[in-house]
């Protein structure tokens, strides 16, 4: 058996095994393009929605769950990040879709139930006909405990939907783990079929040259990737134009002189990815003072202040005592009460970390945010900023980054990752737009392994 025959035997074609619903029969609050996406997703039975922040993933997943429940008369579970559950329930009320918040299996009521990832161990997956993973990028880690638990828990669930923001086009493991959760193909199988080890970056993989086009064709059979409505057909992008983003960098001057002279006249400054917290601790108070000054400039506006550590949060509370601060050790009830209080306008200034409130929430009620320092995680920065700078935001967004003069290489790294993310996303959407449109319209995918000589953009070609 030669290599081509081997691949032919391993080829996967995902047949439609879901529910057929006319888009016109779906919730009238959906835009036409959203109705088409939901109808396609229901028809597939198991699929993923990769959509830019603010495109309405919540109403789409709620209507998907509603249709699955209506057609099967069985229960559906939506799993979301902490605090997103309450916001999802509110969206359901707004659009006429009844949901229930559940902390454990005995709380489950007939219909659509919503819980958070932290409580999932208290449920019996076999009791649900369908499951929705909101912010499903939690599957990102290839061998992570959470990923393995989710895949195993719902491997027999007939209807599965994963929803998240558009994954970075070079983050192939996130895409493969989504496919494994949905039961399309295991990560290891997909790696063997389309990828090789990246010798320049240990522990990572890159697409084989001849496999790039077939890989994205395959992805388009079970996932839809949208940055704007026109990505999937002749739809208007009106109403889906991002508001202006005003970014301000506040550099706090930090002395490099060692007053103790323990290491000589100048301090030993190390801000690489493994040792930068020593310098961050040294600069924390000056950054907190500058952050407080920025917040005070708009004393009548809501404001979210992001930090990465508890010692930064302590200093921020010292200089912004009127704020409400939420950290990881707080009880679940306090986290939910705080974020809902902020969304309702009862809390004006919120201090927290991107890892707590930076993912999944819609905070477009606020247009002012400040990062009291940065980590090397571009995703944390990007996701935290997207809570405000998203479709549906009515105001210009003001974003401030307060950083020490000795930490500028962290900012440079974030900016470099940001530009790469923008360029690769633009190229990815351009490359799969036509393929994706055919998939949503119902055209079946057939992997043609003979067509290995194809025109490719420079960004997509492996080394």
Protein backbone atom coordinates (compact mmCIF):
# COMPACT_ATOMS: atom_id res chain seq x y z
CA UNK A 1 0.00 0.00 0.00
CA UNK A 2 1.54 3.32 -1.07
CA UNK A 3 1.23 6.64 0.77
CA UNK A 4 -1.72 7.92 -1.31
CA UNK A 5 -3.65 4.71 -0.66
CA UNK A 6 -2.86 5.02 3.04
CA UNK A 7 -4.28 8.56 3.11
CA UNK A 8 -7.34 7.48 1.15
CA UNK A 9 -8.09 4.87 3.81
CA UNK A 10 -7.66 7.43 6.55
CA UNK A 11 -9.79 10.05 4.79
CA UNK A 12 -12.74 11.32 6.82
CA UNK A 13 -15.95 12.65 5.29
CA UNK A 14 -18.42 13.98 7.84
CA UNK A 15 -21.97 13.29 6.73
CA UNK A 16 -24.90 15.41 7.75
CA UNK A 17 -26.51 13.84 10.82
CA UNK A 18 -28.44 16.64 12.46
CA UNK A 19 -31.75 18.47 12.29
CA UNK A 20 -33.13 20.16 9.19
CA UNK A 21 -34.73 23.52 10.00
CA UNK A 22 -35.67 26.19 7.49
CA UNK A 23 -33.74 29.38 8.38
CA UNK A 24 -37.00 31.33 8.10
CA UNK A 25 -38.47 29.28 10.97
CA UNK A 26 -35.77 30.27 13.45
CA UNK A 27 -35.89 33.03 16.10
CA UNK A 28 -36.90 36.29 14.42
CA UNK A 29 -34.24 38.21 16.37
CA UNK A 30 -31.52 36.52 14.31
CA UNK A 31 -30.03 38.37 11.37
CA UNK A 32 -30.47 36.56 8.04
CA UNK A 33 -26.84 35.46 8.01
CA UNK A 34 -27.09 34.21 11.60
CA UNK A 35 -30.18 32.18 10.70
CA UNK A 36 -28.26 30.56 7.86
CA UNK A 37 -25.36 29.71 10.16
CA UNK A 38 -27.66 28.23 12.83
CA UNK A 39 -29.58 26.24 10.21
CA UNK A 40 -26.30 24.86 8.83
CA UNK A 41 -25.06 24.01 12.33
CA UNK A 42 -28.29 22.18 13.19
CA UNK A 43 -28.09 20.27 9.92
CA UNK A 44 -24.53 19.18 10.72
CA UNK A 45 -25.44 18.05 14.24
CA UNK A 46 -21.88 18.54 15.46
CA UNK A 47 -20.11 21.75 14.46
CA UNK A 48 -18.11 24.79 15.57
CA UNK A 49 -18.75 28.51 15.29
CA UNK A 50 -15.54 30.55 15.15
CA UNK A 51 -16.86 34.12 15.17
CA UNK A 52 -15.36 37.51 15.95
CA UNK A 53 -16.44 39.11 19.23
CA UNK A 54 -19.79 40.87 18.96
CA UNK A 55 -21.22 38.84 16.06
CA UNK A 56 -23.89 37.34 18.29
CA UNK A 57 -22.60 33.88 19.18
CA UNK A 58 -24.86 33.87 22.26
CA UNK A 59 -28.20 34.17 20.45
CA UNK A 60 -26.99 31.65 17.87
CA UNK A 61 -26.06 29.05 20.46
CA UNK A 62 -29.28 29.69 22.40
CA UNK A 63 -31.41 29.15 19.30
CA UNK A 64 -29.38 26.07 18.38
CA UNK A 65 -30.01 24.64 21.87
CA UNK A 66 -33.67 25.64 21.68
CA UNK A 67 -34.19 23.84 18.37
CA UNK A 68 -32.42 20.69 19.58
CA UNK A 69 -34.63 20.64 22.67
CA UNK A 70 -37.80 21.32 20.68
CA UNK A 71 -37.08 18.61 18.11
CA UNK A 72 -35.97 15.91 20.60
CA UNK A 73 -37.90 16.90 23.75
CA UNK A 74 -34.69 16.23 25.69
CA UNK A 75 -32.35 18.43 27.74
CA UNK A 76 -29.46 20.50 26.42
CA UNK A 77 -26.52 21.80 28.48
CA UNK A 78 -24.65 25.04 27.78
CA UNK A 79 -21.23 25.23 29.48
CA UNK A 80 -19.76 28.73 29.79
CA UNK A 81 -16.99 30.58 31.64
CA UNK A 82 -17.73 31.82 35.14
CA UNK A 83 -20.16 34.79 35.20
CA UNK A 84 -20.97 34.34 31.49
CA UNK A 85 -23.75 31.95 32.54
CA UNK A 86 -25.85 34.76 34.02
CA UNK A 87 -25.33 36.96 31.01
CA UNK A 88 -26.35 34.10 28.71
CA UNK A 89 -29.54 33.59 30.72
CA UNK A 90 -30.33 37.30 30.38
CA UNK A 91 -29.83 37.08 26.62
CA UNK A 92 -32.26 34.16 26.56
CA UNK A 93 -34.89 36.23 28.36
CA UNK A 94 -34.32 39.07 25.91
CA UNK A 95 -34.90 36.82 22.90
CA UNK A 96 -37.71 34.71 24.34
CA UNK A 97 -35.69 31.55 24.98
CA UNK A 98 -36.18 30.01 28.43
CA UNK A 99 -33.06 28.76 30.21
CA UNK A 100 -32.16 27.53 33.70
CA UNK A 101 -28.97 28.06 35.73
CA UNK A 102 -27.76 24.78 37.25
CA UNK A 103 -24.91 24.15 39.69
CA UNK A 104 -25.27 20.37 39.73
CA UNK A 105 -27.28 17.58 38.17
CA UNK A 106 -30.19 17.77 40.62
CA UNK A 107 -30.70 21.45 39.64
CA UNK A 108 -31.38 20.47 36.01
CA UNK A 109 -34.83 21.34 34.65
CA UNK A 110 -36.46 20.31 31.40
CA UNK A 111 -35.12 22.32 28.48
CA UNK A 112 -31.92 24.35 28.27
CA UNK A 113 -29.62 24.39 31.31
CA UNK A 114 -26.56 26.60 31.76
CA UNK A 115 -23.57 25.97 34.00
CA UNK A 116 -19.88 26.94 34.13
CA UNK A 117 -16.80 24.84 33.51
CA UNK A 118 -15.87 24.74 37.18
CA UNK A 119 -19.14 22.93 38.04
CA UNK A 120 -19.13 20.42 35.16
CA UNK A 121 -17.91 17.53 37.33
CA UNK A 122 -21.24 17.63 39.18
CA UNK A 123 -23.24 16.69 36.06
CA UNK A 124 -24.04 13.44 34.26
CA UNK A 125 -23.29 14.06 30.55
CA UNK A 126 -25.45 11.10 29.51
CA UNK A 127 -28.54 13.00 30.68
CA UNK A 128 -28.21 15.54 27.84
CA UNK A 129 -29.04 15.09 24.16
CA UNK A 130 -26.98 18.13 23.24
CA UNK A 131 -24.14 20.25 24.63
CA UNK A 132 -22.80 23.71 23.80
CA UNK A 133 -19.30 24.79 24.81
CA UNK A 134 -19.19 28.58 25.05
CA UNK A 135 -15.67 29.98 24.84
CA UNK A 136 -14.55 26.55 23.68
CA UNK A 137 -10.94 27.67 23.29
CA UNK A 138 -10.62 26.07 26.73
CA UNK A 139 -9.87 23.00 24.59
CA UNK A 140 -6.64 24.62 23.41
CA UNK A 141 -4.19 22.52 25.40
CA UNK A 142 -3.36 19.36 23.42
CA UNK A 143 -2.99 17.05 26.40
CA UNK A 144 -4.66 19.28 29.00
CA UNK A 145 -6.78 17.75 31.75
CA UNK A 146 -9.81 19.91 30.88
CA UNK A 147 -9.61 18.96 27.20
CA UNK A 148 -9.45 15.24 27.95
CA UNK A 149 -12.31 15.49 30.43
CA UNK A 150 -14.59 17.32 28.00
CA UNK A 151 -13.84 14.99 25.09
CA UNK A 152 -14.51 11.90 27.19
CA UNK A 153 -17.57 13.29 28.97
CA UNK A 154 -19.48 14.13 25.80
CA UNK A 155 -18.12 11.57 23.34
CA UNK A 156 -21.57 9.92 23.11
CA UNK A 157 -23.63 13.14 23.03
CA UNK A 158 -25.50 13.22 19.68
CA UNK A 159 -25.57 17.01 19.24
CA UNK A 160 -22.50 19.11 19.97
CA UNK A 161 -21.70 22.77 19.31
CA UNK A 162 -18.52 24.63 20.19
CA UNK A 163 -18.44 28.43 20.07
CA UNK A 164 -15.47 30.73 20.41
CA UNK A 165 -13.76 33.73 18.89
CA UNK A 166 -11.81 33.11 15.71
CA UNK A 167 -8.74 31.02 16.60
CA UNK A 168 -5.33 32.25 15.55
CA UNK A 169 -4.71 30.67 12.11
CA UNK A 170 -1.32 29.36 13.25
CA UNK A 171 -2.79 27.82 16.41
CA UNK A 172 -3.60 24.52 14.77
CA UNK A 173 -3.87 22.55 18.01
CA UNK A 174 -6.89 24.58 19.11
CA UNK A 175 -8.62 23.76 15.83
CA UNK A 176 -7.74 20.07 16.05
CA UNK A 177 -8.96 19.83 19.64
CA UNK A 178 -12.26 21.37 18.60
CA UNK A 179 -12.58 18.65 15.96
CA UNK A 180 -11.82 15.96 18.51
CA UNK A 181 -14.43 17.26 20.96
CA UNK A 182 -17.01 17.25 18.17
CA UNK A 183 -16.11 13.68 17.26
CA UNK A 184 -14.92 14.60 13.77
CA UNK A 185 -11.37 13.29 14.06
CA UNK A 186 -8.86 12.77 16.88
CA UNK A 187 -6.02 15.26 17.26
CA UNK A 188 -3.40 12.56 16.80
CA UNK A 189 -5.06 11.32 13.60
CA UNK A 190 -5.24 14.83 12.14
CA UNK A 191 -1.61 15.51 13.06
CA UNK A 192 -0.50 12.36 11.25
CA UNK A 193 -2.54 13.24 8.16
CA UNK A 194 -1.72 16.92 7.62
CA UNK A 195 1.17 18.00 9.87
CA UNK A 196 4.88 17.57 10.50
CA UNK A 197 7.00 18.56 13.48
CA UNK A 198 8.27 22.13 13.33
CA UNK A 199 11.99 21.66 13.86
CA UNK A 200 12.48 25.39 14.48
CA UNK A 201 9.96 25.47 17.34
CA UNK A 202 10.18 22.48 19.64
CA UNK A 203 6.87 20.88 20.55
CA UNK A 204 4.91 22.53 17.72
CA UNK A 205 3.58 21.38 14.36
CA UNK A 206 3.12 22.98 10.97
CA UNK A 207 1.02 22.05 7.97
CA UNK A 208 2.65 20.08 5.18
CA UNK A 209 2.88 22.16 2.01
CA UNK A 210 0.58 19.96 -0.07
CA UNK A 211 -1.93 19.66 2.80
CA UNK A 212 -2.73 23.33 3.42
CA UNK A 213 -5.66 23.66 1.01
CA UNK A 214 -7.19 20.23 1.84
CA UNK A 215 -6.84 20.99 5.56
CA UNK A 216 -8.84 24.23 5.36
CA UNK A 217 -11.37 22.54 3.12
CA UNK A 218 -11.81 19.88 5.79
CA UNK A 219 -12.17 22.48 8.54
CA UNK A 220 -14.88 24.23 6.54
CA UNK A 221 -17.00 21.06 6.56
CA UNK A 222 -17.54 21.24 10.32
CA UNK A 223 -16.70 24.83 11.32
CA UNK A 224 -17.63 28.31 10.15
CA UNK A 225 -15.09 31.13 10.61
CA UNK A 226 -16.49 34.65 10.48
CA UNK A 227 -14.92 38.05 10.99
CA UNK A 228 -17.90 39.83 9.39
CA UNK A 229 -21.19 38.70 7.77
CA UNK A 230 -19.90 38.99 4.18
CA UNK A 231 -17.38 36.21 4.93
CA UNK A 232 -20.13 33.62 4.34
CA UNK A 233 -22.09 35.14 1.48
CA UNK A 234 -23.66 38.24 -0.05
CA UNK A 235 -24.61 39.80 3.28
CA UNK A 236 -24.23 43.43 4.29
CA UNK A 237 -21.65 44.29 6.94
CA UNK A 238 -23.73 47.30 8.03
CA UNK A 239 -23.89 47.44 11.81
CA UNK A 240 -20.79 45.28 12.11
CA UNK A 241 -18.12 47.93 11.87
CA UNK A 242 -15.84 48.21 14.88
CA UNK A 243 -15.85 51.52 16.78
CA UNK A 244 -12.74 53.66 16.88
CA UNK A 245 -10.10 52.42 19.30
CA UNK A 246 -8.02 55.11 21.01
CA UNK A 247 -4.91 53.49 22.44
CA UNK A 248 -2.68 55.35 24.86
CA UNK A 249 0.68 54.13 26.15
CA UNK A 250 1.74 55.57 29.52
CA UNK A 251 5.41 54.88 30.19
CA UNK A 252 6.42 55.27 33.83
CA UNK A 253 10.08 56.16 34.27
CA UNK A 254 11.86 53.56 36.39
CA UNK A 255 15.35 54.11 37.76
CA UNK A 256 17.99 51.57 36.79
CA UNK A 257 20.25 52.64 39.65
CA UNK A 258 20.65 50.12 42.48
CA UNK A 259 20.41 52.21 45.67
CA UNK A 260 21.59 49.25 47.76
CA UNK A 261 24.68 48.74 45.55
CA UNK A 262 24.32 44.98 46.12
CA UNK A 263 24.81 44.28 42.42
CA UNK A 264 26.92 47.29 41.64
CA UNK A 265 25.79 50.74 40.51
CA UNK A 266 23.02 49.49 38.19
CA UNK A 267 20.25 47.07 39.00
CA UNK A 268 20.17 43.69 37.29
CA UNK A 269 17.06 43.97 35.13
CA UNK A 270 15.66 40.82 33.57
CA UNK A 271 12.33 40.99 31.77
CA UNK A 272 12.40 37.78 29.78
CA UNK A 273 9.30 35.57 29.83
CA UNK A 274 10.47 33.47 32.79
CA UNK A 275 11.93 36.13 35.09
CA UNK A 276 10.02 39.34 34.45
CA UNK A 277 7.91 39.22 37.63
CA UNK A 278 10.82 40.51 39.72
CA UNK A 279 10.87 43.71 37.67
CA UNK A 280 7.06 43.91 37.58
CA UNK A 281 7.01 43.82 41.37
CA UNK A 282 9.65 46.58 41.45
CA UNK A 283 7.57 48.82 39.13
CA UNK A 284 4.12 47.90 40.50
CA UNK A 285 3.54 50.87 42.83
CA UNK A 286 4.46 53.52 40.27
CA UNK A 287 2.25 51.82 37.72
CA UNK A 288 -0.63 51.69 40.21
CA UNK A 289 -0.28 55.42 40.97
CA UNK A 290 -0.31 56.31 37.26
CA UNK A 291 -3.31 54.04 36.68
CA UNK A 292 -5.23 55.78 39.47
CA UNK A 293 -4.51 59.12 37.82
CA UNK A 294 -5.90 57.88 34.50
CA UNK A 295 -9.08 56.57 36.13
CA UNK A 296 -9.55 59.88 37.94
CA UNK A 297 -9.55 61.81 34.64
CA UNK A 298 -12.93 60.28 33.79
CA UNK A 299 -14.55 60.33 37.19
CA UNK A 300 -18.07 59.87 35.81
CA UNK A 301 -17.31 56.93 33.49
CA UNK A 302 -17.24 53.21 34.09
CA UNK A 303 -13.75 51.76 33.95
CA UNK A 304 -12.18 48.30 34.04
CA UNK A 305 -8.60 48.04 35.29
CA UNK A 306 -6.69 44.88 34.41
CA UNK A 307 -3.71 43.49 36.32
CA UNK A 308 -1.91 40.14 36.41
CA UNK A 309 -1.04 39.58 40.07
CA UNK A 310 -2.50 39.96 43.56
CA UNK A 311 0.24 42.38 44.62
CA UNK A 312 -0.71 44.66 41.74
CA UNK A 313 -4.39 44.38 42.74
CA UNK A 314 -3.53 45.28 46.34
CA UNK A 315 -1.72 48.42 45.21
CA UNK A 316 -4.51 49.41 42.85
CA UNK A 317 -7.04 49.15 45.67
CA UNK A 318 -4.76 51.30 47.80
CA UNK A 319 -4.86 54.12 45.24
CA UNK A 320 -8.39 53.51 43.89
CA UNK A 321 -10.24 52.59 47.11
CA UNK A 322 -13.69 53.23 45.60
CA UNK A 323 -13.21 50.35 43.14
CA UNK A 324 -14.48 46.78 43.47
CA UNK A 325 -11.76 44.16 43.10
CA UNK A 326 -12.30 40.50 42.18
CA UNK A 327 -9.59 37.87 42.37
CA UNK A 328 -9.41 34.13 41.78
CA UNK A 329 -9.80 33.13 45.43
CA UNK A 330 -13.13 34.96 45.78
CA UNK A 331 -16.22 32.78 46.04
CA UNK A 332 -18.24 32.19 42.88
CA UNK A 333 -21.16 34.23 44.20
CA UNK A 334 -19.00 37.33 44.70
CA UNK A 335 -17.57 37.05 41.20
CA UNK A 336 -21.02 36.82 39.65
CA UNK A 337 -22.50 39.58 41.81
CA UNK A 338 -19.58 41.90 41.00
CA UNK A 339 -19.62 41.45 37.24
CA UNK A 340 -23.41 41.68 36.99
CA UNK A 341 -23.31 44.78 39.20
CA UNK A 342 -20.81 46.30 36.80
CA UNK A 343 -22.89 45.39 33.76
CA UNK A 344 -25.98 46.92 35.40
CA UNK A 345 -24.07 50.13 36.16
CA UNK A 346 -24.16 49.76 39.94
CA UNK A 347 -20.36 49.43 40.07
CA UNK A 348 -18.30 52.13 38.37
CA UNK A 349 -14.73 50.83 38.66
CA UNK A 350 -13.82 47.15 38.47
CA UNK A 351 -10.33 45.75 39.09
CA UNK A 352 -9.60 42.18 38.03
CA UNK A 353 -7.45 39.91 35.87
CA UNK A 354 -7.93 38.88 32.23
CA UNK A 355 -7.95 35.26 33.39
CA UNK A 356 -11.09 35.97 35.47
CA UNK A 357 -13.25 38.37 33.43
CA UNK A 358 -11.27 38.75 30.21
CA UNK A 359 -12.94 35.92 28.30
CA UNK A 360 -16.48 35.53 27.00
CA UNK A 361 -18.22 38.46 28.68
CA UNK A 362 -19.91 41.30 26.82
CA UNK A 363 -18.88 44.54 28.58
CA UNK A 364 -19.90 46.99 25.87
CA UNK A 365 -21.70 49.01 28.55
CA UNK A 366 -18.18 50.32 29.27
CA UNK A 367 -15.75 52.00 26.87
CA UNK A 368 -12.79 52.73 29.18
CA UNK A 369 -10.15 50.25 30.19
CA UNK A 370 -6.60 50.37 31.54
CA UNK A 371 -3.95 47.65 31.68
CA UNK A 372 -1.76 48.18 34.73
CA UNK A 373 1.17 46.40 33.13
CA UNK A 374 1.23 43.51 30.66
CA UNK A 375 2.22 39.87 30.63
CA UNK A 376 3.68 38.09 27.62
CA UNK A 377 0.28 36.57 26.77
CA UNK A 378 -1.09 38.30 23.68
CA UNK A 379 -4.31 36.30 24.00
CA UNK A 380 -4.97 37.66 27.51
CA UNK A 381 -4.49 41.22 26.22
CA UNK A 382 -6.53 40.66 23.06
CA UNK A 383 -9.44 38.97 24.83
CA UNK A 384 -9.57 41.55 27.64
CA UNK A 385 -9.66 44.40 25.11
CA UNK A 386 -12.39 42.63 23.12
CA UNK A 387 -14.76 42.80 26.08
CA UNK A 388 -15.22 46.46 25.02
CA UNK A 389 -13.92 46.85 21.46
CA UNK A 390 -16.50 44.72 19.71
CA UNK A 391 -19.45 44.91 17.35
CA UNK A 392 -22.34 46.56 19.18
CA UNK A 393 -20.19 49.04 21.11
CA UNK A 394 -21.79 52.48 20.71
CA UNK A 395 -18.85 54.59 21.93
CA UNK A 396 -15.23 55.07 20.94
CA UNK A 397 -13.11 52.81 23.13
CA UNK A 398 -10.32 54.27 25.24
CA UNK A 399 -7.59 51.76 26.12
CA UNK A 400 -4.55 52.63 28.24
CA UNK A 401 -1.43 50.58 28.86
CA UNK A 402 0.66 51.63 31.85
CA UNK A 403 4.11 50.12 31.71
CA UNK A 404 7.51 50.75 33.27
CA UNK A 405 10.35 52.09 31.15
CA UNK A 406 12.31 48.94 32.00
CA UNK A 407 9.50 46.68 30.67
CA UNK A 408 9.14 48.03 27.15
CA UNK A 409 10.31 44.78 25.56
CA UNK A 410 7.08 43.16 26.88
CA UNK A 411 5.05 45.79 25.02
CA UNK A 412 7.15 45.30 21.87
CA UNK A 413 6.50 41.55 22.02
CA UNK A 414 2.73 42.09 22.36
CA UNK A 415 2.73 44.53 19.42
CA UNK A 416 4.68 42.07 17.27
CA UNK A 417 2.23 39.27 18.08
CA UNK A 418 -0.68 41.63 17.44
CA UNK A 419 0.50 42.51 13.93
CA UNK A 420 1.13 38.87 13.09
CA UNK A 421 -2.35 37.96 14.35
CA UNK A 422 -3.99 40.64 12.17
CA UNK A 423 -2.08 39.69 9.02
CA UNK A 424 -2.63 35.95 9.38
CA UNK A 425 -6.33 36.33 10.16
CA UNK A 426 -6.86 38.46 7.06
CA UNK A 427 -5.09 35.88 4.94
CA UNK A 428 -6.92 32.94 6.50
CA UNK A 429 -10.37 34.46 5.92
CA UNK A 430 -9.42 35.34 2.35
CA UNK A 431 -8.19 31.80 1.69
CA UNK A 432 -11.24 29.93 3.03
CA UNK A 433 -14.02 32.34 2.08
CA UNK A 434 -15.08 30.55 -1.12
CA UNK A 435 -14.68 27.08 0.40
CA UNK A 436 -16.74 28.07 3.43
CA UNK A 437 -19.56 29.53 1.36
CA UNK A 438 -19.97 26.26 -0.53
CA UNK A 439 -19.98 24.26 2.73
CA UNK A 440 -22.74 26.33 4.32
CA UNK A 441 -24.81 26.05 1.16
CA UNK A 442 -24.58 22.27 1.45
CA UNK A 443 -21.89 21.39 -1.09
CA UNK A 444 -20.21 18.15 -0.05
CA UNK A 445 -16.47 18.05 0.53
CA UNK A 446 -14.26 15.52 -1.24
CA UNK A 447 -10.57 15.45 -0.47
CA UNK A 448 -8.66 15.18 -3.75
CA UNK A 449 -5.19 14.00 -2.87
CA UNK A 450 -4.00 14.23 -6.48
CA UNK A 451 -4.31 18.02 -6.50
CA UNK A 452 -1.12 18.80 -4.64
CA UNK A 453 0.14 21.54 -6.96
CA UNK A 454 -1.86 24.59 -5.92
CA UNK A 455 -1.35 28.35 -5.77
CA UNK A 456 -0.76 29.42 -2.20
CA UNK A 457 -0.22 32.79 -0.49
CA UNK A 458 3.29 33.24 0.90
CA UNK A 459 2.05 33.29 4.51
CA UNK A 460 0.67 29.76 4.19
CA UNK A 461 3.71 28.01 2.75
CA UNK A 462 5.74 25.93 5.21
CA UNK A 463 9.50 26.02 5.28
